[in-house]
PDB file of N, CA and C in Angstrom:
ATOM      1  N   ILE A   1      83.756  73.277 114.115  1.00  0.00           N
ATOM      2  CA  ILE A   1      82.451  72.751 114.502  1.00  0.00           C
ATOM      3  C   ILE A   1      81.552  72.669 113.263  1.00  0.00           C
ATOM      4  N   ASN A   2      81.612  73.695 112.455  1.00  0.00           N
ATOM      5  CA  ASN A   2      80.809  73.684 111.222  1.00  0.00           C
ATOM      6  C   ASN A   2      81.236  72.535 110.312  1.00  0.00           C
ATOM      7  N   GLN A   3      82.544  72.336 110.282  1.00  0.00           N
ATOM      8  CA  GLN A   3      83.056  71.252 109.446  1.00  0.00           C
ATOM      9  C   GLN A   3      82.562  69.909 109.982  1.00  0.00           C
ATOM     10  N   THR A   4      82.535  69.744 111.254  1.00  0.00           N
ATOM     11  CA  THR A   4      82.063  68.510 111.882  1.00  0.00           C
ATOM     12  C   THR A   4      80.577  68.337 111.599  1.00  0.00           C
ATOM     13  N   ARG A   5      79.862  69.440 111.659  1.00  0.00           N
ATOM     14  CA  ARG A   5      78.427  69.379 111.349  1.00  0.00           C
ATOM     15  C   ARG A   5      78.201  68.987 109.889  1.00  0.00           C
ATOM     16  N   GLU A   6      79.018  69.514 109.028  1.00  0.00           N
ATOM     17  CA  GLU A   6      78.899  69.188 107.602  1.00  0.00           C
ATOM     18  C   GLU A   6      79.218  67.714 107.369  1.00  0.00           C
ATOM     19  N   GLN A   7      80.264  67.238 108.034  1.00  0.00           N
ATOM     20  CA  GLN A   7      80.628  65.831 107.895  1.00  0.00           C
ATOM     21  C   GLN A   7      79.517  64.942 108.460  1.00  0.00           C
ATOM     22  N   LEU A   8      78.971  65.361 109.571  1.00  0.00           N
ATOM     23  CA  LEU A   8      77.878  64.620 110.188  1.00  0.00           C
ATOM     24  C   LEU A   8      76.660  64.609 109.256  1.00  0.00           C
ATOM     25  N   ALA A   9      76.369  65.737 108.647  1.00  0.00           N
ATOM     26  CA  ALA A   9      75.245  65.850 107.717  1.00  0.00           C
ATOM     27  C   ALA A   9      75.491  64.970 106.489  1.00  0.00           C
ATOM     28  N   ILE A  10      76.717  64.977 105.991  1.00  0.00           N
ATOM     29  CA  ILE A  10      77.072  64.152 104.822  1.00  0.00           C
ATOM     30  C   ILE A  10      76.938  62.675 105.188  1.00  0.00           C
ATOM     31  N   THR A  11      77.412  62.315 106.373  1.00  0.00           N
ATOM     32  CA  THR A  11      77.341  60.936 106.836  1.00  0.00           C
ATOM     33  C   THR A  11      75.886  60.503 106.987  1.00  0.00           C
ATOM     34  N   GLN A  12      75.084  61.383 107.575  1.00  0.00           N
ATOM     35  CA  GLN A  12      73.659  61.071 107.745  1.00  0.00           C
ATOM     36  C   GLN A  12      72.977  60.915 106.390  1.00  0.00           C
ATOM     37  N   LYS A  13      73.320  61.844 105.490  1.00  0.00           N
ATOM     38  CA  LYS A  13      72.732  61.804 104.154  1.00  0.00           C
ATOM     39  C   LYS A  13      73.149  60.502 103.455  1.00  0.00           C
ATOM     40  N   GLY A  14      74.417  60.129 103.562  1.00  0.00           N
ATOM     41  CA  GLY A  14      74.915  58.893 102.960  1.00  0.00           C
ATOM     42  C   GLY A  14      74.240  57.683 103.580  1.00  0.00           C
ATOM     43  N   GLY A  15      74.059  57.736 104.888  1.00  0.00           N
ATOM     44  CA  GLY A  15      73.381  56.637 105.584  1.00  0.00           C
ATOM     45  C   GLY A  15      71.935  56.511 105.124  1.00  0.00           C
ATOM     46  N   GLN A  16      71.310  57.646 104.938  1.00  0.00           N
ATOM     47  CA  GLN A  16      69.914  57.626 104.458  1.00  0.00           C
ATOM     48  C   GLN A  16      69.839  57.089 103.034  1.00  0.00           C
ATOM     49  N   GLU A  17      70.800  57.482 102.216  1.00  0.00           N
ATOM     50  CA  GLU A  17      70.830  56.989 100.840  1.00  0.00           C
ATOM     51  C   GLU A  17      71.082  55.476 100.820  1.00  0.00           C
ATOM     52  N   ASP A  18      72.020  55.013 101.676  1.00  0.00           N
ATOM     53  CA  ASP A  18      72.297  53.580 101.773  1.00  0.00           C
ATOM     54  C   ASP A  18      71.043  52.829 102.243  1.00  0.00           C
ATOM     55  N   HIS A  19      70.368  53.428 103.231  1.00  0.00           N
ATOM     56  CA  HIS A  19      69.153  52.806 103.759  1.00  0.00           C
ATOM     57  C   HIS A  19      68.078  52.730 102.672  1.00  0.00           C
ATOM     58  N   ALA A  20      67.906  53.784 101.927  1.00  0.00           N
ATOM     59  CA  ALA A  20      66.912  53.813 100.847  1.00  0.00           C
ATOM     60  C   ALA A  20      67.275  52.788  99.765  1.00  0.00           C
ATOM     61  N   LYS A  21      68.559  52.706  99.466  1.00  0.00           N
ATOM     62  CA  LYS A  21      69.017  51.755  98.451  1.00  0.00           C
ATOM     63  C   LYS A  21      68.767  50.316  98.929  1.00  0.00           C
ATOM     64  N   LEU A  22      69.081  50.023 100.173  1.00  0.00           N
ATOM     65  CA  LEU A  22      68.852  48.695 100.729  1.00  0.00           C
ATOM     66  C   LEU A  22      67.362  48.356 100.771  1.00  0.00           C
ATOM     67  N   LEU A  23      66.560  49.342 101.111  1.00  0.00           N
ATOM     68  CA  LEU A  23      65.114  49.143 101.157  1.00  0.00           C
ATOM     69  C   LEU A  23      64.579  48.823  99.754  1.00  0.00           C
ATOM     70  N   GLN A  24      65.087  49.535  98.750  1.00  0.00           N
ATOM     71  CA  GLN A  24      64.673  49.288  97.376  1.00  0.00           C
ATOM     72  C   GLN A  24      65.103  47.888  96.929  1.00  0.00           C
ATOM     73  N   GLU A  25      66.329  47.492  97.261  1.00  0.00           N
ATOM     74  CA  GLU A  25      66.809  46.152  96.917  1.00  0.00           C
ATOM     75  C   GLU A  25      65.955  45.077  97.592  1.00  0.00           C
ATOM     76  N   LYS A  26      65.597  45.339  98.837  1.00  0.00           N
ATOM     77  CA  LYS A  26      64.760  44.393  99.585  1.00  0.00           C
ATOM     78  C   LYS A  26      63.406  44.237  98.888  1.00  0.00           C
ATOM     79  N   GLN A  27      62.824  45.365  98.492  1.00  0.00           N
ATOM     80  CA  GLN A  27      61.521  45.321  97.811  1.00  0.00           C
ATOM     81  C   GLN A  27      61.623  44.595  96.464  1.00  0.00           C
ATOM     82  N   GLU A  28      62.710  44.830  95.745  1.00  0.00           N
ATOM     83  CA  GLU A  28      62.912  44.147  94.465  1.00  0.00           C
ATOM     84  C   GLU A  28      63.062  42.642  94.671  1.00  0.00           C
ATOM     85  N   LEU A  29      63.805  42.261  95.702  1.00  0.00           N
ATOM     86  CA  LEU A  29      63.962  40.832  96.009  1.00  0.00           C
ATOM     87  C   LEU A  29      62.621  40.202  96.401  1.00  0.00           C
ATOM     88  N   GLU A  30      61.856  40.936  97.203  1.00  0.00           N
ATOM     89  CA  GLU A  30      60.546  40.427  97.601  1.00  0.00           C
ATOM     90  C   GLU A  30      59.648  40.239  96.387  1.00  0.00           C
ATOM     91  N   GLN A  31      59.691  41.195  95.458  1.00  0.00           N
ATOM     92  CA  GLN A  31      58.874  41.101  94.244  1.00  0.00           C
ATOM     93  C   GLN A  31      59.330  39.927  93.381  1.00  0.00           C
ATOM     94  N   THR A  32      60.643  39.757  93.290  1.00  0.00           N
ATOM     95  CA  THR A  32      61.181  38.631  92.510  1.00  0.00           C
ATOM     96  C   THR A  32      60.758  37.305  93.127  1.00  0.00           C
ATOM     97  N   LEU A  33      60.890  37.209  94.443  1.00  0.00           N
ATOM     98  CA  LEU A  33      60.500  35.980  95.129  1.00  0.00           C
ATOM     99  C   LEU A  33      59.002  35.723  94.990  1.00  0.00           C
ATOM    100  N   LEU A  34      58.215  36.779  95.091  1.00  0.00           N
ATOM    101  CA  LEU A  34      56.769  36.639  94.943  1.00  0.00           C
ATOM    102  C   LEU A  34      56.420  36.168  93.529  1.00  0.00           C
ATOM    103  N   ALA A  35      57.094  36.720  92.536  1.00  0.00           N
ATOM    104  CA  ALA A  35      56.859  36.309  91.146  1.00  0.00           C
ATOM    105  C   ALA A  35      57.239  34.842  90.957  1.00  0.00           C
ATOM    106  N   LYS A  36      58.369  34.438  91.532  1.00  0.00           N
ATOM    107  CA  LYS A  36      58.794  33.043  91.427  1.00  0.00           C
ATOM    108  C   LYS A  36      57.809  32.120  92.147  1.00  0.00           C
ATOM    109  N   LEU A  37      57.317  32.562  93.284  1.00  0.00           N
ATOM    110  CA  LEU A  37      56.343  31.774  94.039  1.00  0.00           C
ATOM    111  C   LEU A  37      55.051  31.607  93.245  1.00  0.00           C
ATOM    112  N   LYS A  38      54.597  32.684  92.629  1.00  0.00           N
ATOM    113  CA  LYS A  38      53.375  32.607  91.816  1.00  0.00           C
ATOM    114  C   LYS A  38      53.583  31.691  90.616  1.00  0.00           C
ATOM    115  N   ALA A  39      54.749  31.774  89.997  1.00  0.00           N
ATOM    116  CA  ALA A  39      55.046  30.907  88.851  1.00  0.00           C
ATOM    117  C   ALA A  39      55.064  29.439  89.287  1.00  0.00           C
ATOM    118  N   ALA A  40      55.674  29.177  90.430  1.00  0.00           N
ATOM    119  CA  ALA A  40      55.717  27.806  90.946  1.00  0.00           C
ATOM    120  C   ALA A  40      54.312  27.316  91.290  1.00  0.00           C
ATOM    121  N   GLU A  41      53.502  28.199  91.841  1.00  0.00           N
ATOM    122  CA  GLU A  41      52.125  27.845  92.188  1.00  0.00           C
ATOM    123  C   GLU A  41      51.328  27.519  90.920  1.00  0.00           C
ATOM    124  N   GLU A  42      51.485  28.314  89.886  1.00  0.00           N
ATOM    125  CA  GLU A  42      50.798  28.060  88.615  1.00  0.00           C
ATOM    126  C   GLU A  42      51.259  26.729  88.005  1.00  0.00           C
ATOM    127  N   ALA A  43      52.557  26.488  88.066  1.00  0.00           N
ATOM    128  CA  ALA A  43      53.089  25.224  87.543  1.00  0.00           C
ATOM    129  C   ALA A  43      52.505  24.047  88.330  1.00  0.00           C
ATOM    130  N   SER A  44      52.415  24.210  89.635  1.00  0.00           N
ATOM    131  CA  SER A  44      51.848  23.153  90.482  1.00  0.00           C
ATOM    132  C   SER A  44      50.380  22.920  90.142  1.00  0.00           C
ATOM    133  N   LYS A  45      49.642  24.008  89.922  1.00  0.00           N
ATOM    134  CA  LYS A  45      48.229  23.870  89.568  1.00  0.00           C
ATOM    135  C   LYS A  45      48.076  23.132  88.242  1.00  0.00           C
ATOM    136  N   LYS A  46      48.926  23.462  87.267  1.00  0.00           N
ATOM    137  CA  LYS A  46      48.873  22.781  85.975  1.00  0.00           C
ATOM    138  C   LYS A  46      49.201  21.303  86.138  1.00  0.00           C
ATOM    139  N   GLU A  47      50.228  21.021  86.930  1.00  0.00           N
ATOM    140  CA  GLU A  47      50.623  19.626  87.142  1.00  0.00           C
ATOM    141  C   GLU A  47      49.505  18.857  87.842  1.00  0.00           C
ATOM    142  N   ILE A  48      48.877  19.479  88.820  1.00  0.00           N
ATOM    143  CA  ILE A  48      47.768  18.836  89.530  1.00  0.00           C
ATOM    144  C   ILE A  48      46.629  18.553  88.553  1.00  0.00           C
ATOM    145  N   ALA A  49      46.322  19.528  87.703  1.00  0.00           N
ATOM    146  CA  ALA A  49      45.258  19.340  86.715  1.00  0.00           C
ATOM    147  C   ALA A  49      45.590  18.190  85.765  1.00  0.00           C
ATOM    148  N   GLN A  50      46.850  18.119  85.332  1.00  0.00           N
ATOM    149  CA  GLN A  50      47.270  17.031  84.439  1.00  0.00           C
ATOM    150  C   GLN A  50      47.163  15.682  85.144  1.00  0.00           C
ATOM    151  N   LEU A  51      47.573  15.645  86.402  1.00  0.00           N
ATOM    152  CA  LEU A  51      47.497  14.397  87.159  1.00  0.00           C
ATOM    153  C   LEU A  51      46.048  13.971  87.379  1.00  0.00           C
ATOM    154  N   GLN A  52      45.182  14.952  87.655  1.00  0.00           N
ATOM    155  CA  GLN A  52      43.769  14.633  87.836  1.00  0.00           C
ATOM    156  C   GLN A  52      43.161  14.099  86.536  1.00  0.00           C
ATOM    157  N   GLU A  53      43.549  14.692  85.423  1.00  0.00           N
ATOM    158  CA  GLU A  53      43.060  14.227  84.123  1.00  0.00           C
ATOM    159  C   GLU A  53      43.560  12.812  83.839  1.00  0.00           C
ATOM    160  N   ALA A  54      44.838  12.579  84.131  1.00  0.00           N
ATOM    161  CA  ALA A  54      45.409  11.244  83.923  1.00  0.00           C
ATOM    162  C   ALA A  54      44.699  10.216  84.815  1.00  0.00           C
ATOM    163  N   LEU A  55      44.403  10.609  86.034  1.00  0.00           N
ATOM    164  CA  LEU A  55      43.704   9.716  86.962  1.00  0.00           C
ATOM    165  C   LEU A  55      42.297   9.410  86.447  1.00  0.00           C
ATOM    166  N   ALA A  56      41.613  10.439  85.957  1.00  0.00           N
ATOM    167  CA  ALA A  56      40.264  10.241  85.413  1.00  0.00           C
ATOM    168  C   ALA A  56      40.307   9.305  84.199  1.00  0.00           C
ATOM    169  N   ASN A  57      41.306   9.487  83.339  1.00  0.00           N
ATOM    170  CA  ASN A  57      41.450   8.613  82.167  1.00  0.00           C
ATOM    171  C   ASN A  57      41.747   7.172  82.592  1.00  0.00           C
ATOM    172  N   ALA A  58      42.607   7.032  83.581  1.00  0.00           N
ATOM    173  CA  ALA A  58      42.938   5.684  84.076  1.00  0.00           C
ATOM    174  C   ALA A  58      41.691   5.019  84.667  1.00  0.00           C
ATOM    175  N   GLN A  59      40.881   5.791  85.370  1.00  0.00           N
ATOM    176  CA  GLN A  59      39.644   5.263  85.953  1.00  0.00           C
ATOM    177  C   GLN A  59      38.688   4.809  84.850  1.00  0.00           C
ATOM    178  N   LYS A  60      38.592   5.615  83.787  1.00  0.00           N
ATOM    179  CA  LYS A  60      37.723   5.250  82.658  1.00  0.00           C
ATOM    180  C   LYS A  60      38.208   3.958  82.007  1.00  0.00           C
ATOM    181  N   GLN A  61      39.527   3.850  81.811  1.00  0.00           N
ATOM    182  CA  GLN A  61      40.096   2.642  81.215  1.00  0.00           C
ATOM    183  C   GLN A  61      39.847   1.427  82.099  1.00  0.00           C
ATOM    184  N   LYS A  62      39.994   1.626  83.409  1.00  0.00           N
ATOM    185  CA  LYS A  62      39.759   0.529  84.350  1.00  0.00           C
ATOM    186  C   LYS A  62      38.302   0.091  84.281  1.00  0.00           C
ATOM    187  N   ASP A  63      37.384   1.061  84.287  1.00  0.00           N
ATOM    188  CA  ASP A  63      35.963   0.741  84.216  1.00  0.00           C
ATOM    189  C   ASP A  63      35.632   0.011  82.909  1.00  0.00           C
ATOM    190  N   LYS A  64      36.233   0.471  81.818  1.00  0.00           N
ATOM    191  CA  LYS A  64      36.003  -0.165  80.515  1.00  0.00           C
ATOM    192  C   LYS A  64      36.532  -1.607  80.529  1.00  0.00           C
ATOM    193  N   ALA A  65      37.723  -1.792  81.095  1.00  0.00           N
ATOM    194  CA  ALA A  65      38.315  -3.130  81.168  1.00  0.00           C
ATOM    195  C   ALA A  65      37.460  -4.055  82.027  1.00  0.00           C
ATOM    196  N   ILE A  66      36.944  -3.541  83.138  1.00  0.00           N
ATOM    197  CA  ILE A  66      36.088  -4.346  84.016  1.00  0.00           C
ATOM    198  C   ILE A  66      34.821  -4.756  83.267  1.00  0.00           C
ATOM    199  N   LEU A  67      34.229  -3.813  82.552  1.00  0.00           N
ATOM    200  CA  LEU A  67      33.024  -4.108  81.776  1.00  0.00           C
ATOM    201  C   LEU A  67      33.300  -5.179  80.717  1.00  0.00           C
ATOM    202  N   GLU A  68      34.416  -5.046  80.019  1.00  0.00           N
ATOM    203  CA  GLU A  68      34.780  -6.040  79.003  1.00  0.00           C
ATOM    204  C   GLU A  68      34.982  -7.416  79.629  1.00  0.00           C
ATOM    205  N   LEU A  69      35.643  -7.449  80.775  1.00  0.00           N
ATOM    206  CA  LEU A  69      35.859  -8.733  81.457  1.00  0.00           C
ATOM    207  C   LEU A  69      34.542  -9.349  81.915  1.00  0.00           C
ATOM    208  N   GLN A  70      33.626  -8.501  82.401  1.00  0.00           N
ATOM    209  CA  GLN A  70      32.322  -9.016  82.819  1.00  0.00           C
ATOM    210  C   GLN A  70      31.559  -9.593  81.620  1.00  0.00           C
ATOM    211  N   GLN A  71      31.650  -8.894  80.483  1.00  0.00           N
ATOM    212  CA  GLN A  71      30.979  -9.386  79.283  1.00  0.00           C
ATOM    213  C   GLN A  71      31.596 -10.712  78.821  1.00  0.00           C
ATOM    214  N   GLN A  72      32.922 -10.815  78.874  1.00  0.00           N
ATOM    215  CA  GLN A  72      33.593 -12.055  78.501  1.00  0.00           C
ATOM    216  C   GLN A  72      33.181 -13.188  79.441  1.00  0.00           C
ATOM    217  N   LYS A  73      33.103 -12.868  80.730  1.00  0.00           N
ATOM    218  CA  LYS A  73      32.708 -13.873  81.728  1.00  0.00           C
ATOM    219  C   LYS A  73      31.295 -14.374  81.435  1.00  0.00           C
ATOM    220  N   GLU A  74      30.372 -13.439  81.149  1.00  0.00           N
ATOM    221  CA  GLU A  74      29.002 -13.828  80.843  1.00  0.00           C
ATOM    222  C   GLU A  74      28.945 -14.691  79.580  1.00  0.00           C
ATOM    223  N   GLN A  75      29.721 -14.314  78.573  1.00  0.00           N
ATOM    224  CA  GLN A  75      29.753 -15.093  77.327  1.00  0.00           C
ATOM    225  C   GLN A  75      30.283 -16.501  77.589  1.00  0.00           C
ATOM    226  N   LEU A  76      31.365 -16.580  78.381  1.00  0.00           N
ATOM    227  CA  LEU A  76      31.927 -17.899  78.703  1.00  0.00           C
ATOM    228  C   LEU A  76      30.937 -18.746  79.510  1.00  0.00           C
ATOM    229  N   GLN A  77      30.201 -18.090  80.421  1.00  0.00           N
ATOM    230  CA  GLN A  77      29.210 -18.833  81.198  1.00  0.00           C
ATOM    231  C   GLN A  77      28.106 -19.377  80.292  1.00  0.00           C
ATOM    232  N   LYS A  78      27.680 -18.549  79.325  1.00  0.00           N
ATOM    233  CA  LYS A  78      26.655 -19.003  78.371  1.00  0.00           C
ATOM    234  C   LYS A  78      27.174 -20.183  77.554  1.00  0.00           C
ATOM    235  N   GLU A  79      28.416 -20.063  77.079  1.00  0.00           N
ATOM    236  CA  GLU A  79      29.016 -21.144  76.296  1.00  0.00           C
ATOM    237  C   GLU A  79      29.119 -22.421  77.127  1.00  0.00           C
ATOM    238  N   LEU A  80      29.510 -22.265  78.395  1.00  0.00           N
ATOM    239  CA  LEU A  80      29.634 -23.422  79.279  1.00  0.00           C
ATOM    240  C   LEU A  80      28.269 -24.071  79.506  1.00  0.00           C
ATOM    241  N   GLN A  81      27.244 -23.249  79.715  1.00  0.00           N
ATOM    242  CA  GLN A  81      25.899 -23.792  79.909  1.00  0.00           C
ATOM    243  C   GLN A  81      25.430 -24.533  78.653  1.00  0.00           C
ATOM    244  N   THR A  82      25.704 -23.935  77.493  1.00  0.00           N
ATOM    245  CA  THR A  82      25.323 -24.575  76.233  1.00  0.00           C
ATOM    246  C   THR A  82      26.035 -25.914  76.081  1.00  0.00           C
ATOM    247  N   GLU A  83      27.343 -25.911  76.388  1.00  0.00           N
ATOM    248  CA  GLU A  83      28.130 -27.137  76.289  1.00  0.00           C
ATOM    249  C   GLU A  83      27.626 -28.191  77.266  1.00  0.00           C
ATOM    250  N   GLN A  84      27.330 -27.769  78.494  1.00  0.00           N
ATOM    251  CA  GLN A  84      26.838 -28.711  79.500  1.00  0.00           C
ATOM    252  C   GLN A  84      25.475 -29.267  79.086  1.00  0.00           C
ATOM    253  N   HIS A  85      24.646 -28.389  78.528  1.00  0.00           N
ATOM    254  CA  HIS A  85      23.321 -28.834  78.071  1.00  0.00           C
ATOM    255  C   HIS A  85      23.476 -29.860  76.945  1.00  0.00           C
ATOM    256  N   ALA A  86      24.384 -29.551  76.009  1.00  0.00           N
ATOM    257  CA  ALA A  86      24.613 -30.476  74.890  1.00  0.00           C
ATOM    258  C   ALA A  86      25.137 -31.813  75.406  1.00  0.00           C
ATOM    259  N   LYS A  87      26.073 -31.790  76.350  1.00  0.00           N
ATOM    260  CA  LYS A  87      26.606 -33.036  76.922  1.00  0.00           C
ATOM    261  C   LYS A  87      25.506 -33.804  77.639  1.00  0.00           C
ATOM    262  N   SER A  88      24.657 -33.068  78.321  1.00  0.00           N
ATOM    263  CA  SER A  88      23.558 -33.698  79.047  1.00  0.00           C
ATOM    264  C   SER A  88      22.609 -34.386  78.077  1.00  0.00           C
ATOM    265  N   GLU A  89      22.315 -33.704  76.961  1.00  0.00           N
ATOM    266  CA  GLU A  89      21.441 -34.297  75.950  1.00  0.00           C
ATOM    267  C   GLU A  89      22.088 -35.545  75.333  1.00  0.00           C
ATOM    268  N   VAL A  90      23.392 -35.464  75.065  1.00  0.00           N
ATOM    269  CA  VAL A  90      24.107 -36.621  74.513  1.00  0.00           C
ATOM    270  C   VAL A  90      24.063 -37.773  75.504  1.00  0.00           C
ATOM    271  N   ALA A  91      24.293 -37.450  76.776  1.00  0.00           N
ATOM    272  CA  ALA A  91      24.289 -38.502  77.802  1.00  0.00           C
ATOM    273  C   ALA A  91      22.900 -39.120  77.913  1.00  0.00           C
ATOM    274  N   GLU A  92      21.864 -38.299  77.894  1.00  0.00           N
ATOM    275  CA  GLU A  92      20.505 -38.825  77.975  1.00  0.00           C
ATOM    276  C   GLU A  92      20.198 -39.684  76.750  1.00  0.00           C
ATOM    277  N   GLY A  93      20.629 -39.189  75.589  1.00  0.00           N
ATOM    278  CA  GLY A  93      20.420 -39.967  74.361  1.00  0.00           C
ATOM    279  C   GLY A  93      21.158 -41.290  74.418  1.00  0.00           C
ATOM    280  N   SER A  94      22.362 -41.272  74.931  1.00  0.00           N
ATOM    281  CA  SER A  94      23.143 -42.504  75.066  1.00  0.00           C
ATOM    282  C   SER A  94      22.469 -43.460  76.028  1.00  0.00           C
ATOM    283  N   GLN A  95      21.961 -42.925  77.135  1.00  0.00           N
ATOM    284  CA  GLN A  95      21.284 -43.784  78.107  1.00  0.00           C
ATOM    285  C   GLN A  95      20.029 -44.413  77.496  1.00  0.00           C
ATOM    286  N   ARG A  96      19.304 -43.617  76.698  1.00  0.00           N
ATOM    287  CA  ARG A  96      18.109 -44.157  76.041  1.00  0.00           C
ATOM    288  C   ARG A  96      18.507 -45.252  75.036  1.00  0.00           C
ATOM    289  N   SER A  97      19.602 -44.964  74.309  1.00  0.00           N
ATOM    290  CA  SER A  97      20.075 -45.964  73.338  1.00  0.00           C
ATOM    291  C   SER A  97      20.510 -47.235  74.030  1.00  0.00           C
ATOM    292  N   ILE A  98      21.211 -47.091  75.126  1.00  0.00           N
ATOM    293  CA  ILE A  98      21.674 -48.258  75.896  1.00  0.00           C
ATOM    294  C   ILE A  98      20.471 -49.027  76.421  1.00  0.00           C
ATOM    295  N   ALA A  99      19.503 -48.290  76.958  1.00  0.00           N
ATOM    296  CA  ALA A  99      18.305 -48.955  77.489  1.00  0.00           C
ATOM    297  C   ALA A  99      17.567 -49.689  76.376  1.00  0.00           C
ATOM    298  N   ALA A 100      17.479 -49.045  75.207  1.00  0.00           N
ATOM    299  CA  ALA A 100      16.796 -49.686  74.073  1.00  0.00           C
ATOM    300  C   ALA A 100      17.557 -50.928  73.633  1.00  0.00           C
ATOM    301  N   LEU A 101      18.877 -50.837  73.568  1.00  0.00           N
ATOM    302  CA  LEU A 101      19.695 -51.993  73.188  1.00  0.00           C
ATOM    303  C   LEU A 101      19.566 -53.113  74.217  1.00  0.00           C
ATOM    304  N   GLN A 102      19.535 -52.729  75.494  1.00  0.00           N
ATOM    305  CA  GLN A 102      19.385 -53.736  76.538  1.00  0.00           C
ATOM    306  C   GLN A 102      18.037 -54.449  76.405  1.00  0.00           C
ATOM    307  N   GLU A 103      17.012 -53.677  76.051  1.00  0.00           N
ATOM    308  CA  GLU A 103      15.694 -54.277  75.864  1.00  0.00           C
ATOM    309  C   GLU A 103      15.707 -55.234  74.665  1.00  0.00           C
ATOM    310  N   GLU A 104      16.382 -54.792  73.601  1.00  0.00           N
ATOM    311  CA  GLU A 104      16.482 -55.648  72.423  1.00  0.00           C
ATOM    312  C   GLU A 104      17.234 -56.929  72.749  1.00  0.00           C
ATOM    313  N   ILE A 105      18.333 -56.789  73.497  1.00  0.00           N
ATOM    314  CA  ILE A 105      19.122 -57.968  73.897  1.00  0.00           C
ATOM    315  C   ILE A 105      18.269 -58.896  74.734  1.00  0.00           C
ATOM    316  N   ALA A 106      17.545 -58.305  75.671  1.00  0.00           N
ATOM    317  CA  ALA A 106      16.697 -59.126  76.538  1.00  0.00           C
ATOM    318  C   ALA A 106      15.638 -59.841  75.701  1.00  0.00           C
ATOM    319  N   ALA A 107      15.078 -59.106  74.729  1.00  0.00           N
ATOM    320  CA  ALA A 107      14.035 -59.713  73.888  1.00  0.00           C
ATOM    321  C   ALA A 107      14.645 -60.834  73.048  1.00  0.00           C
ATOM    322  N   LEU A 108      15.851 -60.632  72.514  1.00  0.00           N
ATOM    323  CA  LEU A 108      16.513 -61.669  71.723  1.00  0.00           C
ATOM    324  C   LEU A 108      16.832 -62.888  72.579  1.00  0.00           C
ATOM    325  N   LYS A 109      17.261 -62.663  73.797  1.00  0.00           N
ATOM    326  CA  LYS A 109      17.573 -63.773  74.699  1.00  0.00           C
ATOM    327  C   LYS A 109      16.311 -64.561  75.011  1.00  0.00           C
ATOM    328  N   GLU A 110      15.257 -63.791  75.171  1.00  0.00           N
ATOM    329  CA  GLU A 110      13.969 -64.430  75.493  1.00  0.00           C
ATOM    330  C   GLU A 110      13.529 -65.299  74.325  1.00  0.00           C
ATOM    331  N   LYS A 111      13.750 -64.808  73.111  1.00  0.00           N
ATOM    332  CA  LYS A 111      13.389 -65.589  71.915  1.00  0.00           C
ATOM    333  C   LYS A 111      14.271 -66.824  71.821  1.00  0.00           C
ATOM    334  N   GLN A 112      15.545 -66.630  72.156  1.00  0.00           N
ATOM    335  CA  GLN A 112      16.466 -67.763  72.085  1.00  0.00           C
ATOM    336  C   GLN A 112      16.086 -68.820  73.100  1.00  0.00           C
ATOM    337  N   ASP A 113      15.675 -68.355  74.252  1.00  0.00           N
ATOM    338  CA  ASP A 113      15.320 -69.293  75.320  1.00  0.00           C
ATOM    339  C   ASP A 113      14.039 -70.064  74.974  1.00  0.00           C
ATOM    340  N   LYS A 114      13.232 -69.558  74.098  1.00  0.00           N
ATOM    341  CA  LYS A 114      11.982 -70.218  73.766  1.00  0.00           C
ATOM    342  C   LYS A 114      12.179 -71.216  72.715  1.00  0.00           C
TER     343      LYS A 114
END
């Protein structure tokens, strides 16, 4: 009976040691997983920050490009207005010249008819 009690005590002690060892392994695994999770979270935060910075830079470039295009459009509109004004002046000058020539022709015809 004593021998059985000793074996039972040894078995219980071994079971307790196994349980303690498993508990320690579980805690170590949990700590490892937690460390990996924190590392992944930090990496994600860095990546998010980089993406946000890239997005902000892209927005700035887009805004700059839009501004440049608006300035080019305004310049082209000014050039077009200047060109149209110049053509209009040429056309008016031509019409005046034609009218003056027509008057001269009419006056010459009138002289010829007399």
